[in-house]
Every structure is written in C-alpha cells, then in structure tokens.
Amino acid sequence: FKYIEFATSLDGIGPIIEYVRYPTKFNKVKSVTKKLMQLSHDMPIRVGTRPTITVYNVLDIPNITNWWMEMMDKYYSNNKVWINHTHAALPNFLSLPILSKHCKDIVMERLWDKGPTDQQKQNWNQLCNYMNSSEDSHLLPKFVDFTFRLDEARGERFSVTVPEFASLMNTGWGAPTIGME
C-alpha cells in the first residue's frame, strides 16, 4: 500500500468523551492517539478524526480541535492529517436542531466564524447552519427522558458535565429532574 489511513472518532476531551463514549477513559484515548500518531515515524500512515457532534458535545468542538492539533504537533510526522466534525442526525432527539434558542445562542457565540483555520471555520459554520436549519425543540422531552435514564443507569449527570445546557434538563418535560440539580 502507498499508505494506510486511520479514521478515528474523537467525540470529546476529558469528561465530555467519558460521558459521550461511556465507559471510555480519556487517559486511554490520549495513550492510543499518541501511539497511533507515532506510527507515522515508522510507516506511511495518515491519521484523521471525524467527531460526531450531538447536543452532548457541541460545546466541546474547540477543545476537540485544539487537542487534536496539539497531538499532531507533538507526535505526528506526516502533513496528511484531517479533522472533520460531522453532525448526528439520528437519534433525532440528540441532534443539534432540538436545542432551545438560548442554547443555540451559546453555540453560535462559541463557534460561528471561530475555527482556528479557514477549513475549521467553514466546518464549524456548517454545523451551526445545520443546527439552525430547523426548530425541533418539540423533541426536548425525548432528550430529557433519554438523558435522565442514561444518567441514572451510569450514575452521571449531564447537567454537571455540560453545565451550560443544564437548563435543558429543567424544562418540565419528560422524566422528573428531582436530584438532578
């Protein structure tokens, strides 16, 4: 082969990836990513990542991008690398258009025209455009119910992991939020 390409899915940094990809531990992600990138010193490989963006990790996009770029600078010997954030359309109750106006405003402030490169800026803007392409807040009760059950089963709290979106869990829809504050 001329080269081997590895496509990873880095869906968050630290507690965000541990929440999104439970029971993943971020220290293991760091170790595997470092080893994978170091392979580029010994063989013709390309490494990229395609984070799948949902309500759970949309605010972590800058951290994902910055961390990935730092890892490339430290451990990667090839300039053929990529990062391309994509959105999850299904399940629809985890998709970006379900966000309330207040939460969409937070995302826009954090991401719109803020990517570290022109390519990332364009990619982040596309995610924002997708988020604003429809108003699906009627799906928030499904999001609340699913997230409440997930948190209950795992002993976690979305509102602690992503405090900027804690208001989503207090909508009065779906599962009770008693003990979730």
N, C-alpha and C. Protein backbone atom coordinates (compact mmCIF):
# COMPACT_ATOMS: atom_id res chain seq x y z
N PHE A 1 0.83 -1.18 0.00
CA PHE A 1 0.00 0.00 0.00
C PHE A 1 0.87 1.24 0.00
N LYS A 2 0.37 2.29 -0.64
CA LYS A 2 1.09 3.56 -0.59
C LYS A 2 1.02 4.15 0.82
N TYR A 3 -0.12 3.97 1.46
CA TYR A 3 -0.30 4.42 2.83
C TYR A 3 -1.50 3.71 3.43
N ILE A 4 -1.58 3.78 4.74
CA ILE A 4 -2.73 3.26 5.49
C ILE A 4 -3.35 4.46 6.18
N GLU A 5 -4.66 4.55 6.13
CA GLU A 5 -5.34 5.67 6.77
C GLU A 5 -6.18 5.18 7.93
N PHE A 6 -6.03 5.86 9.06
CA PHE A 6 -6.82 5.59 10.25
C PHE A 6 -7.80 6.74 10.43
N ALA A 7 -9.06 6.41 10.57
CA ALA A 7 -10.09 7.41 10.83
C ALA A 7 -10.63 7.15 12.24
N THR A 8 -10.43 8.10 13.11
CA THR A 8 -10.89 7.96 14.49
C THR A 8 -12.14 8.80 14.70
N SER A 9 -12.78 8.57 15.83
CA SER A 9 -13.93 9.39 16.20
C SER A 9 -13.67 9.93 17.60
N LEU A 10 -13.15 11.13 17.65
CA LEU A 10 -12.83 11.78 18.92
C LEU A 10 -14.00 12.70 19.27
N ASP A 11 -14.89 12.20 20.10
CA ASP A 11 -16.15 12.91 20.35
C ASP A 11 -16.13 13.79 21.60
N GLY A 12 -14.96 14.11 22.08
CA GLY A 12 -14.86 15.00 23.22
C GLY A 12 -13.49 14.87 23.85
N ILE A 13 -13.23 15.77 24.80
CA ILE A 13 -11.99 15.78 25.55
C ILE A 13 -12.33 15.66 27.03
N GLY A 14 -11.55 14.88 27.75
CA GLY A 14 -11.74 14.74 29.19
C GLY A 14 -13.12 14.21 29.55
N PRO A 15 -13.82 14.90 30.45
CA PRO A 15 -15.12 14.40 30.91
C PRO A 15 -16.18 14.30 29.82
N ILE A 16 -16.03 15.08 28.75
CA ILE A 16 -17.03 15.03 27.67
C ILE A 16 -16.95 13.69 26.94
N ILE A 17 -15.76 13.25 26.56
CA ILE A 17 -15.66 11.95 25.88
C ILE A 17 -16.02 10.82 26.83
N GLU A 18 -15.71 10.98 28.10
CA GLU A 18 -16.08 9.95 29.06
C GLU A 18 -17.60 9.86 29.21
N TYR A 19 -18.30 10.96 29.02
CA TYR A 19 -19.76 10.95 29.06
C TYR A 19 -20.33 10.40 27.75
N VAL A 20 -19.86 10.93 26.61
CA VAL A 20 -20.41 10.55 25.31
C VAL A 20 -20.10 9.10 24.98
N ARG A 21 -18.89 8.67 25.26
CA ARG A 21 -18.43 7.31 24.90
C ARG A 21 -18.23 6.43 26.14
N TYR A 22 -19.12 6.56 27.10
CA TYR A 22 -19.05 5.76 28.32
C TYR A 22 -18.87 4.29 27.97
N PRO A 23 -17.99 3.57 28.61
CA PRO A 23 -17.13 3.86 29.77
C PRO A 23 -15.70 4.25 29.40
N THR A 24 -15.50 4.90 28.28
CA THR A 24 -14.18 5.36 27.85
C THR A 24 -13.51 6.18 28.93
N LYS A 25 -12.20 6.02 29.04
CA LYS A 25 -11.38 6.84 29.94
C LYS A 25 -10.45 7.69 29.06
N PHE A 26 -10.43 8.98 29.29
CA PHE A 26 -9.66 9.88 28.45
C PHE A 26 -8.17 9.58 28.46
N ASN A 27 -7.63 9.13 29.58
CA ASN A 27 -6.21 8.78 29.61
C ASN A 27 -5.88 7.69 28.60
N LYS A 28 -6.78 6.74 28.41
CA LYS A 28 -6.58 5.69 27.42
C LYS A 28 -6.66 6.27 26.00
N VAL A 29 -7.59 7.20 25.77
CA VAL A 29 -7.70 7.86 24.47
C VAL A 29 -6.40 8.58 24.15
N LYS A 30 -5.85 9.30 25.13
CA LYS A 30 -4.58 10.01 24.92
C LYS A 30 -3.46 9.05 24.55
N SER A 31 -3.37 7.96 25.27
CA SER A 31 -2.32 6.98 25.05
C SER A 31 -2.43 6.34 23.66
N VAL A 32 -3.62 5.93 23.28
CA VAL A 32 -3.82 5.29 21.98
C VAL A 32 -3.57 6.29 20.84
N THR A 33 -4.04 7.52 21.00
CA THR A 33 -3.84 8.54 19.97
C THR A 33 -2.35 8.83 19.78
N LYS A 34 -1.63 8.95 20.87
CA LYS A 34 -0.18 9.18 20.80
C LYS A 34 0.51 8.05 20.05
N LYS A 35 0.19 6.80 20.41
CA LYS A 35 0.81 5.64 19.74
C LYS A 35 0.45 5.60 18.27
N LEU A 36 -0.78 5.87 17.96
CA LEU A 36 -1.23 5.85 16.57
C LEU A 36 -0.48 6.89 15.74
N MET A 37 -0.37 8.09 16.28
CA MET A 37 0.34 9.15 15.56
C MET A 37 1.84 8.87 15.46
N GLN A 38 2.41 8.25 16.47
CA GLN A 38 3.83 7.94 16.44
C GLN A 38 4.17 6.88 15.38
N LEU A 39 3.19 6.08 14.99
CA LEU A 39 3.41 5.11 13.93
C LEU A 39 3.83 5.79 12.63
N SER A 40 3.47 7.06 12.47
CA SER A 40 3.80 7.79 11.25
C SER A 40 5.31 7.97 11.08
N HIS A 41 6.06 7.76 12.14
CA HIS A 41 7.52 7.85 12.06
C HIS A 41 8.13 6.59 11.44
N ASP A 42 7.37 5.49 11.47
CA ASP A 42 7.89 4.21 11.02
C ASP A 42 7.24 3.66 9.76
N MET A 43 6.09 4.20 9.40
CA MET A 43 5.37 3.68 8.24
C MET A 43 4.51 4.76 7.62
N PRO A 44 4.09 4.56 6.38
CA PRO A 44 3.28 5.59 5.70
C PRO A 44 1.81 5.52 6.12
N ILE A 45 1.51 6.24 7.16
CA ILE A 45 0.11 6.27 7.61
C ILE A 45 -0.41 7.69 7.62
N ARG A 46 -1.72 7.79 7.53
CA ARG A 46 -2.43 9.05 7.68
C ARG A 46 -3.42 8.85 8.82
N VAL A 47 -3.55 9.86 9.63
CA VAL A 47 -4.45 9.78 10.78
C VAL A 47 -5.40 10.95 10.71
N GLY A 48 -6.67 10.69 10.89
CA GLY A 48 -7.66 11.75 10.92
C GLY A 48 -8.72 11.45 11.96
N THR A 49 -9.54 12.43 12.23
CA THR A 49 -10.64 12.21 13.16
C THR A 49 -11.90 12.88 12.63
N ARG A 50 -13.00 12.23 12.88
CA ARG A 50 -14.30 12.75 12.48
C ARG A 50 -15.23 12.69 13.70
N PRO A 51 -15.16 13.70 14.55
CA PRO A 51 -16.05 13.73 15.72
C PRO A 51 -17.51 13.81 15.27
N THR A 52 -18.34 13.02 15.91
CA THR A 52 -19.77 13.06 15.66
C THR A 52 -20.39 13.98 16.71
N ILE A 53 -20.98 15.08 16.24
CA ILE A 53 -21.43 16.12 17.14
C ILE A 53 -22.92 15.96 17.45
N THR A 54 -23.21 15.99 18.75
CA THR A 54 -24.58 15.91 19.27
C THR A 54 -24.77 17.04 20.29
N VAL A 55 -25.92 17.06 20.90
CA VAL A 55 -26.18 18.02 21.98
C VAL A 55 -25.14 17.85 23.09
N TYR A 56 -24.72 16.62 23.34
CA TYR A 56 -23.79 16.34 24.43
C TYR A 56 -22.41 16.96 24.25
N ASN A 57 -21.93 17.10 23.02
CA ASN A 57 -20.54 17.52 22.84
C ASN A 57 -20.32 18.75 21.95
N VAL A 58 -21.39 19.39 21.50
CA VAL A 58 -21.24 20.52 20.58
C VAL A 58 -20.39 21.64 21.17
N LEU A 59 -20.49 21.87 22.45
CA LEU A 59 -19.72 22.95 23.06
C LEU A 59 -18.24 22.59 23.24
N ASP A 60 -17.91 21.32 23.03
CA ASP A 60 -16.53 20.87 23.19
C ASP A 60 -15.74 20.90 21.88
N ILE A 61 -16.37 21.34 20.80
CA ILE A 61 -15.70 21.36 19.49
C ILE A 61 -14.37 22.11 19.54
N PRO A 62 -14.27 23.30 20.14
CA PRO A 62 -12.95 23.96 20.19
C PRO A 62 -11.91 23.12 20.93
N ASN A 63 -12.30 22.49 22.02
CA ASN A 63 -11.36 21.65 22.78
C ASN A 63 -10.91 20.45 21.96
N ILE A 64 -11.86 19.81 21.26
CA ILE A 64 -11.52 18.66 20.41
C ILE A 64 -10.50 19.09 19.36
N THR A 65 -10.78 20.17 18.68
CA THR A 65 -9.92 20.65 17.60
C THR A 65 -8.54 21.03 18.13
N ASN A 66 -8.50 21.79 19.19
CA ASN A 66 -7.21 22.23 19.75
C ASN A 66 -6.38 21.05 20.24
N TRP A 67 -7.02 20.11 20.92
CA TRP A 67 -6.29 18.95 21.44
C TRP A 67 -5.75 18.12 20.29
N TRP A 68 -6.57 17.88 19.26
CA TRP A 68 -6.13 17.08 18.12
C TRP A 68 -4.92 17.75 17.44
N MET A 69 -4.97 19.06 17.27
CA MET A 69 -3.87 19.79 16.64
C MET A 69 -2.60 19.74 17.50
N GLU A 70 -2.76 19.82 18.81
CA GLU A 70 -1.61 19.71 19.72
C GLU A 70 -0.97 18.33 19.61
N MET A 71 -1.79 17.29 19.57
CA MET A 71 -1.28 15.92 19.44
C MET A 71 -0.53 15.75 18.11
N MET A 72 -1.06 16.33 17.05
CA MET A 72 -0.39 16.25 15.75
C MET A 72 0.98 16.93 15.82
N ASP A 73 1.03 18.11 16.41
CA ASP A 73 2.30 18.83 16.51
C ASP A 73 3.34 18.05 17.32
N LYS A 74 2.91 17.36 18.35
CA LYS A 74 3.84 16.63 19.22
C LYS A 74 4.29 15.29 18.63
N TYR A 75 3.37 14.55 18.01
CA TYR A 75 3.66 13.14 17.73
C TYR A 75 3.58 12.71 16.28
N TYR A 76 3.08 13.53 15.41
CA TYR A 76 2.78 13.12 14.04
C TYR A 76 3.85 13.64 13.09
N SER A 77 4.32 12.79 12.17
CA SER A 77 5.38 13.21 11.25
C SER A 77 4.88 13.44 9.83
N ASN A 78 3.59 13.37 9.62
CA ASN A 78 3.01 13.46 8.29
C ASN A 78 2.13 14.70 8.22
N ASN A 79 2.10 15.35 7.08
CA ASN A 79 1.20 16.51 6.95
C ASN A 79 -0.15 16.12 6.37
N LYS A 80 -0.36 14.84 6.13
CA LYS A 80 -1.64 14.34 5.61
C LYS A 80 -2.53 13.95 6.79
N VAL A 81 -3.12 14.92 7.40
CA VAL A 81 -3.98 14.68 8.56
C VAL A 81 -5.24 15.50 8.38
N TRP A 82 -6.30 15.06 9.01
CA TRP A 82 -7.55 15.80 8.85
C TRP A 82 -8.39 15.70 10.12
N ILE A 83 -9.22 16.70 10.27
CA ILE A 83 -10.25 16.70 11.31
C ILE A 83 -11.50 17.29 10.66
N ASN A 84 -12.58 16.56 10.75
CA ASN A 84 -13.82 16.94 10.09
C ASN A 84 -14.99 16.61 10.99
N HIS A 85 -15.49 17.60 11.68
CA HIS A 85 -16.64 17.40 12.56
C HIS A 85 -17.88 17.15 11.70
N THR A 86 -18.69 16.18 12.11
CA THR A 86 -19.94 15.91 11.43
C THR A 86 -21.06 15.85 12.46
N HIS A 87 -22.27 16.06 12.04
CA HIS A 87 -23.38 16.07 12.99
C HIS A 87 -24.11 14.74 12.96
N ALA A 88 -24.66 14.38 14.10
CA ALA A 88 -25.52 13.20 14.18
C ALA A 88 -26.94 13.63 13.84
N ALA A 89 -27.54 12.94 12.91
CA ALA A 89 -28.95 13.22 12.57
C ALA A 89 -29.88 12.29 13.35
N LEU A 90 -29.35 11.14 13.72
CA LEU A 90 -30.14 10.15 14.46
C LEU A 90 -29.34 9.69 15.67
N PRO A 91 -29.97 9.44 16.79
CA PRO A 91 -31.38 9.70 17.02
C PRO A 91 -31.67 11.20 17.00
N ASN A 92 -32.78 11.55 16.43
CA ASN A 92 -33.11 12.96 16.22
C ASN A 92 -33.21 13.76 17.52
N PHE A 93 -33.48 13.09 18.64
CA PHE A 93 -33.60 13.83 19.90
C PHE A 93 -32.24 14.16 20.51
N LEU A 94 -31.14 13.73 19.88
CA LEU A 94 -29.79 14.14 20.29
C LEU A 94 -29.17 15.10 19.29
N SER A 95 -29.90 15.39 18.23
CA SER A 95 -29.40 16.21 17.14
C SER A 95 -29.49 17.69 17.49
N LEU A 96 -28.62 18.48 16.91
CA LEU A 96 -28.49 19.90 17.27
C LEU A 96 -29.76 20.73 17.10
N PRO A 97 -30.63 20.48 16.12
CA PRO A 97 -31.83 21.33 15.99
C PRO A 97 -32.82 21.26 17.16
N ILE A 98 -32.63 20.31 18.09
CA ILE A 98 -33.55 20.25 19.23
C ILE A 98 -33.25 21.32 20.28
N LEU A 99 -32.08 21.93 20.18
CA LEU A 99 -31.67 22.90 21.20
C LEU A 99 -32.63 24.08 21.29
N SER A 100 -32.81 24.56 22.51
CA SER A 100 -33.61 25.76 22.74
C SER A 100 -32.89 26.96 22.13
N LYS A 101 -33.60 28.04 21.95
CA LYS A 101 -32.99 29.26 21.40
C LYS A 101 -31.82 29.71 22.26
N HIS A 102 -31.99 29.67 23.57
CA HIS A 102 -30.92 30.07 24.49
C HIS A 102 -29.66 29.22 24.25
N CYS A 103 -29.82 27.91 24.12
CA CYS A 103 -28.67 27.03 23.90
C CYS A 103 -28.08 27.23 22.51
N LYS A 104 -28.92 27.45 21.51
CA LYS A 104 -28.40 27.73 20.17
C LYS A 104 -27.58 29.01 20.17
N ASP A 105 -28.01 30.00 20.94
CA ASP A 105 -27.25 31.25 21.05
C ASP A 105 -25.86 31.00 21.64
N ILE A 106 -25.79 30.11 22.64
CA ILE A 106 -24.50 29.76 23.25
C ILE A 106 -23.59 29.12 22.21
N VAL A 107 -24.15 28.19 21.43
CA VAL A 107 -23.36 27.51 20.39
C VAL A 107 -22.88 28.52 19.35
N MET A 108 -23.77 29.38 18.90
CA MET A 108 -23.38 30.37 17.89
C MET A 108 -22.25 31.27 18.41
N GLU A 109 -22.36 31.70 19.65
CA GLU A 109 -21.33 32.56 20.23
C GLU A 109 -19.99 31.84 20.32
N ARG A 110 -20.02 30.56 20.62
CA ARG A 110 -18.80 29.78 20.80
C ARG A 110 -18.16 29.36 19.47
N LEU A 111 -18.99 29.13 18.42
CA LEU A 111 -18.46 28.51 17.21
C LEU A 111 -18.47 29.37 15.95
N TRP A 112 -19.46 30.24 15.78
CA TRP A 112 -19.62 30.91 14.49
C TRP A 112 -18.40 31.73 14.14
N ASP A 113 -17.79 31.43 13.00
CA ASP A 113 -16.60 32.12 12.49
C ASP A 113 -15.42 32.08 13.45
N LYS A 114 -15.32 31.02 14.26
CA LYS A 114 -14.27 30.97 15.28
C LYS A 114 -13.25 29.86 15.08
N GLY A 115 -13.35 29.05 14.03
CA GLY A 115 -12.40 27.97 13.82
C GLY A 115 -10.97 28.47 13.71
N PRO A 116 -10.00 27.66 14.16
CA PRO A 116 -8.59 28.09 14.12
C PRO A 116 -7.99 28.15 12.72
N THR A 117 -8.61 27.48 11.76
CA THR A 117 -8.17 27.54 10.37
C THR A 117 -9.39 27.86 9.51
N ASP A 118 -9.15 28.26 8.28
CA ASP A 118 -10.29 28.53 7.39
C ASP A 118 -11.15 27.29 7.20
N GLN A 119 -10.51 26.13 7.08
CA GLN A 119 -11.26 24.89 6.91
C GLN A 119 -12.12 24.60 8.14
N GLN A 120 -11.54 24.77 9.33
CA GLN A 120 -12.31 24.53 10.55
C GLN A 120 -13.42 25.57 10.71
N LYS A 121 -13.14 26.80 10.39
CA LYS A 121 -14.17 27.84 10.45
C LYS A 121 -15.36 27.46 9.58
N GLN A 122 -15.08 27.00 8.37
CA GLN A 122 -16.14 26.58 7.46
C GLN A 122 -16.90 25.37 8.02
N ASN A 123 -16.17 24.42 8.58
CA ASN A 123 -16.79 23.22 9.15
C ASN A 123 -17.68 23.58 10.34
N TRP A 124 -17.19 24.44 11.23
CA TRP A 124 -17.98 24.84 12.39
C TRP A 124 -19.22 25.62 11.96
N ASN A 125 -19.06 26.47 10.96
CA ASN A 125 -20.21 27.23 10.47
C ASN A 125 -21.26 26.30 9.86
N GLN A 126 -20.82 25.24 9.17
CA GLN A 126 -21.77 24.27 8.63
C GLN A 126 -22.56 23.59 9.74
N LEU A 127 -21.89 23.28 10.85
CA LEU A 127 -22.60 22.69 11.99
C LEU A 127 -23.64 23.66 12.55
N CYS A 128 -23.25 24.93 12.64
CA CYS A 128 -24.19 25.95 13.12
C CYS A 128 -25.37 26.09 12.17
N ASN A 129 -25.10 26.08 10.87
CA ASN A 129 -26.19 26.15 9.88
C ASN A 129 -27.12 24.96 10.01
N TYR A 130 -26.57 23.77 10.21
CA TYR A 130 -27.41 22.59 10.41
C TYR A 130 -28.27 22.77 11.67
N MET A 131 -27.66 23.22 12.74
CA MET A 131 -28.38 23.43 14.00
C MET A 131 -29.56 24.37 13.79
N ASN A 132 -29.36 25.41 13.00
CA ASN A 132 -30.40 26.41 12.78
C ASN A 132 -31.31 26.10 11.60
N SER A 133 -31.10 24.96 10.95
CA SER A 133 -31.89 24.61 9.76
C SER A 133 -33.33 24.26 10.09
N SER A 134 -33.58 23.90 11.34
CA SER A 134 -34.96 23.63 11.75
C SER A 134 -35.09 23.89 13.24
N GLU A 135 -36.29 23.95 13.69
CA GLU A 135 -36.59 24.19 15.10
C GLU A 135 -37.32 22.95 15.60
N ASP A 136 -36.55 22.07 16.24
CA ASP A 136 -37.10 20.78 16.67
C ASP A 136 -37.17 20.66 18.19
N SER A 137 -37.39 21.77 18.87
CA SER A 137 -37.43 21.72 20.34
C SER A 137 -38.59 20.87 20.86
N HIS A 138 -39.54 20.52 19.98
CA HIS A 138 -40.61 19.61 20.41
C HIS A 138 -40.06 18.23 20.78
N LEU A 139 -38.80 17.96 20.40
CA LEU A 139 -38.17 16.69 20.74
C LEU A 139 -37.45 16.73 22.09
N LEU A 140 -37.44 17.89 22.73
CA LEU A 140 -36.76 18.01 24.03
C LEU A 140 -37.26 17.01 25.07
N PRO A 141 -38.56 16.71 25.14
CA PRO A 141 -38.99 15.70 26.13
C PRO A 141 -38.30 14.35 25.93
N LYS A 142 -38.09 13.94 24.69
CA LYS A 142 -37.38 12.68 24.42
C LYS A 142 -35.93 12.79 24.87
N PHE A 143 -35.30 13.94 24.59
CA PHE A 143 -33.93 14.16 25.03
C PHE A 143 -33.83 14.08 26.55
N VAL A 144 -34.73 14.76 27.24
CA VAL A 144 -34.71 14.78 28.70
C VAL A 144 -34.90 13.36 29.25
N ASP A 145 -35.89 12.66 28.72
CA ASP A 145 -36.17 11.31 29.21
C ASP A 145 -34.96 10.39 28.96
N PHE A 146 -34.42 10.40 27.76
CA PHE A 146 -33.28 9.55 27.41
C PHE A 146 -32.08 9.88 28.29
N THR A 147 -31.77 11.17 28.42
CA THR A 147 -30.60 11.60 29.18
C THR A 147 -30.78 11.30 30.66
N PHE A 148 -31.97 11.51 31.19
CA PHE A 148 -32.25 11.19 32.59
C PHE A 148 -32.01 9.70 32.84
N ARG A 149 -32.52 8.86 31.97
CA ARG A 149 -32.35 7.41 32.13
C ARG A 149 -30.89 7.00 31.99
N LEU A 150 -30.19 7.61 31.04
CA LEU A 150 -28.77 7.33 30.86
C LEU A 150 -27.99 7.72 32.11
N ASP A 151 -28.25 8.91 32.61
CA ASP A 151 -27.57 9.39 33.81
C ASP A 151 -27.87 8.49 35.00
N GLU A 152 -29.09 8.08 35.14
CA GLU A 152 -29.50 7.22 36.25
C GLU A 152 -28.77 5.87 36.17
N ALA A 153 -28.70 5.29 34.99
CA ALA A 153 -28.04 4.00 34.82
C ALA A 153 -26.54 4.08 35.05
N ARG A 154 -25.93 5.20 34.70
CA ARG A 154 -24.48 5.34 34.79
C ARG A 154 -24.01 6.03 36.07
N GLY A 155 -24.92 6.64 36.81
CA GLY A 155 -24.53 7.41 37.97
C GLY A 155 -23.84 8.71 37.58
N GLU A 156 -24.27 9.30 36.47
CA GLU A 156 -23.70 10.55 35.98
C GLU A 156 -24.78 11.63 35.94
N ARG A 157 -24.35 12.86 35.60
CA ARG A 157 -25.31 13.94 35.42
C ARG A 157 -24.87 14.82 34.26
N PHE A 158 -25.66 14.82 33.21
CA PHE A 158 -25.39 15.66 32.05
C PHE A 158 -25.25 17.12 32.48
N SER A 159 -26.10 17.56 33.40
CA SER A 159 -26.10 18.97 33.82
C SER A 159 -24.80 19.36 34.52
N VAL A 160 -24.06 18.39 35.04
CA VAL A 160 -22.75 18.66 35.63
C VAL A 160 -21.68 18.63 34.55
N THR A 161 -21.79 17.68 33.62
CA THR A 161 -20.80 17.55 32.55
C THR A 161 -20.86 18.73 31.59
N VAL A 162 -22.07 19.19 31.27
CA VAL A 162 -22.27 20.31 30.36
C VAL A 162 -23.17 21.34 31.06
N PRO A 163 -22.63 22.08 32.02
CA PRO A 163 -23.47 22.98 32.81
C PRO A 163 -24.14 24.08 31.99
N GLU A 164 -23.54 24.46 30.86
CA GLU A 164 -24.15 25.49 30.02
C GLU A 164 -25.52 25.07 29.49
N PHE A 165 -25.75 23.75 29.41
CA PHE A 165 -27.02 23.22 28.90
C PHE A 165 -27.88 22.61 30.01
N ALA A 166 -27.57 22.88 31.26
CA ALA A 166 -28.34 22.32 32.37
C ALA A 166 -29.82 22.69 32.27
N SER A 167 -30.10 23.85 31.68
CA SER A 167 -31.49 24.29 31.56
C SER A 167 -32.32 23.32 30.73
N LEU A 168 -31.70 22.57 29.84
CA LEU A 168 -32.45 21.60 29.04
C LEU A 168 -33.08 20.52 29.93
N MET A 169 -32.41 20.19 31.02
CA MET A 169 -32.91 19.15 31.91
C MET A 169 -33.99 19.67 32.84
N ASN A 170 -34.17 20.96 32.87
CA ASN A 170 -35.17 21.56 33.76
C ASN A 170 -36.33 22.16 32.98
N THR A 171 -36.68 21.54 31.88
CA THR A 171 -37.73 22.07 31.03
C THR A 171 -39.12 21.76 31.53
N GLY A 172 -39.22 20.81 32.48
CA GLY A 172 -40.53 20.41 32.95
C GLY A 172 -41.13 19.31 32.08
N TRP A 173 -40.40 18.88 31.04
CA TRP A 173 -40.87 17.82 30.17
C TRP A 173 -40.18 16.51 30.54
N GLY A 174 -40.80 15.42 30.22
CA GLY A 174 -40.16 14.11 30.33
C GLY A 174 -39.93 13.70 31.76
N ALA A 175 -38.82 13.03 32.01
CA ALA A 175 -38.52 12.46 33.31
C ALA A 175 -38.35 13.55 34.36
N PRO A 176 -38.69 13.25 35.61
CA PRO A 176 -38.51 14.24 36.67
C PRO A 176 -37.03 14.55 36.84
N THR A 177 -36.75 15.79 37.21
CA THR A 177 -35.36 16.19 37.39
C THR A 177 -35.00 16.29 38.88
N ILE A 178 -35.80 15.68 39.74
CA ILE A 178 -35.50 15.68 41.17
C ILE A 178 -34.15 15.02 41.38
N GLY A 179 -33.29 15.66 42.14
CA GLY A 179 -31.97 15.13 42.38
C GLY A 179 -30.99 15.40 41.24
N MET A 180 -31.42 16.08 40.21
CA MET A 180 -30.54 16.34 39.08
C MET A 180 -29.86 17.70 39.17
N GLU A 181 -30.23 18.51 40.14
CA GLU A 181 -29.62 19.83 40.23
C GLU A 181 -28.21 19.74 40.73
